[in-house]
Protein backbone atom coordinates (compact mmCIF):
# COMPACT_ATOMS: atom_id res chain seq x y z
CA UNK A 1 -34.75 -48.67 -55.95
CA UNK A 2 -38.10 -47.04 -56.59
CA UNK A 3 -39.83 -44.11 -54.91
CA UNK A 4 -43.62 -43.85 -54.63
CA UNK A 5 -44.75 -40.39 -55.75
CA UNK A 6 -48.23 -39.16 -54.84
CA UNK A 7 -48.14 -35.71 -56.45
CA UNK A 8 -45.98 -33.04 -58.03
CA UNK A 9 -47.40 -29.53 -57.96
CA UNK A 10 -46.49 -25.92 -57.48
CA UNK A 11 -47.19 -24.37 -54.11
CA UNK A 12 -47.10 -20.86 -52.75
CA UNK A 13 -45.03 -19.43 -49.94
CA UNK A 14 -46.46 -16.46 -48.10
CA UNK A 15 -44.75 -13.60 -46.31
CA UNK A 16 -46.88 -10.89 -44.70
CA UNK A 17 -49.85 -11.86 -46.86
CA UNK A 18 -47.91 -11.69 -50.14
CA UNK A 19 -46.86 -14.60 -52.35
CA UNK A 20 -43.07 -14.57 -52.41
CA UNK A 21 -42.34 -17.85 -54.21
CA UNK A 22 -43.98 -20.84 -55.78
CA UNK A 23 -41.67 -23.78 -55.10
CA UNK A 24 -42.26 -27.12 -56.72
CA UNK A 25 -43.64 -29.57 -54.15
CA UNK A 26 -43.13 -33.30 -54.50
CA UNK A 27 -45.33 -35.47 -52.26
CA UNK A 28 -44.06 -38.99 -51.73
CA UNK A 29 -46.35 -41.83 -50.71
CA UNK A 30 -49.06 -44.18 -51.87
CA UNK A 31 -52.72 -43.13 -51.65
CA UNK A 32 -55.33 -44.48 -53.99
CA UNK A 33 -54.54 -46.60 -57.01
CA UNK A 34 -51.19 -47.00 -58.73
CA UNK A 35 -51.14 -45.22 -62.07
CA UNK A 36 -48.77 -43.91 -64.73
CA UNK A 37 -46.62 -40.81 -64.31
CA UNK A 38 -49.11 -38.87 -66.46
CA UNK A 39 -51.97 -40.09 -64.27
CA UNK A 40 -50.12 -39.08 -61.10
CA UNK A 41 -49.53 -35.60 -62.53
CA UNK A 42 -53.29 -35.35 -63.18
CA UNK A 43 -54.02 -36.36 -59.56
CA UNK A 44 -55.33 -39.85 -60.38
CA UNK A 45 -53.19 -41.80 -57.90
CA UNK A 46 -49.54 -42.55 -57.22
CA UNK A 47 -46.70 -43.93 -59.31
CA UNK A 48 -43.42 -45.71 -58.64
CA UNK A 49 -40.38 -44.10 -60.22
CA UNK A 50 -36.60 -44.37 -59.91
CA UNK A 51 -34.93 -41.50 -57.99
CA UNK A 52 -32.95 -40.40 -61.06
CA UNK A 53 -36.10 -40.38 -63.21
CA UNK A 54 -37.87 -38.25 -60.61
CA UNK A 55 -34.98 -35.77 -60.66
CA UNK A 56 -35.20 -35.56 -64.47
CA UNK A 57 -38.98 -35.07 -64.23
CA UNK A 58 -38.45 -32.20 -61.79
CA UNK A 59 -35.86 -30.67 -64.13
CA UNK A 60 -38.37 -30.91 -66.98
CA UNK A 61 -41.06 -29.14 -64.96
CA UNK A 62 -38.86 -26.34 -63.59
CA UNK A 63 -36.35 -25.07 -66.13
CA UNK A 64 -34.40 -22.76 -63.82
CA UNK A 65 -32.97 -24.50 -60.75
CA UNK A 66 -34.69 -23.44 -57.57
CA UNK A 67 -35.93 -24.85 -54.27
CA UNK A 68 -37.86 -28.13 -54.36
CA UNK A 69 -39.93 -29.10 -51.33
CA UNK A 70 -40.29 -32.85 -50.76
CA UNK A 71 -42.76 -34.29 -48.26
CA UNK A 72 -42.35 -37.83 -46.99
CA UNK A 73 -38.63 -38.03 -47.77
CA UNK A 74 -37.95 -39.54 -44.35
CA UNK A 75 -40.19 -42.50 -45.19
CA UNK A 76 -38.13 -43.45 -48.25
CA UNK A 77 -35.29 -45.98 -48.22
CA UNK A 78 -32.08 -44.12 -47.36
CA UNK A 79 -30.27 -45.06 -50.58
CA UNK A 80 -33.18 -43.80 -52.70
CA UNK A 81 -33.41 -40.58 -50.70
CA UNK A 82 -29.69 -39.88 -51.06
CA UNK A 83 -29.77 -40.70 -54.78
CA UNK A 84 -32.69 -38.32 -55.38
CA UNK A 85 -31.20 -35.49 -53.32
CA UNK A 86 -27.72 -35.80 -54.83
CA UNK A 87 -29.06 -35.87 -58.38
CA UNK A 88 -31.21 -32.79 -57.73
CA UNK A 89 -28.18 -31.03 -56.20
CA UNK A 90 -26.11 -31.90 -59.28
CA UNK A 91 -28.82 -30.24 -61.39
CA UNK A 92 -28.57 -27.12 -59.21
CA UNK A 93 -31.74 -27.53 -57.12
CA UNK A 94 -31.99 -26.93 -53.39
CA UNK A 95 -33.92 -29.71 -51.63
CA UNK A 96 -36.08 -28.81 -48.65
CA UNK A 97 -37.50 -31.86 -46.84
CA UNK A 98 -40.91 -31.12 -45.31
């Protein structure tokens, strides 16, 4: 079970013109060329990664558990989606599909 990851980046949530949070956003999908995880983090393409590895990567990028927004989660195989979400929940993160 692998998940194609297009990008991982911090976003901003706005409320009345003020930034109130900067949740981590994970964009799933395949655009451009396949690359390494480091290349994907630099915006050079997409990479295939196991759901558990993606959860560990998220935990390494955001030390304190918080909300993680994931786009394209509905396009992922159900077993991979459930594995990713359950692992993130075990780590204390709240998953918000977008």
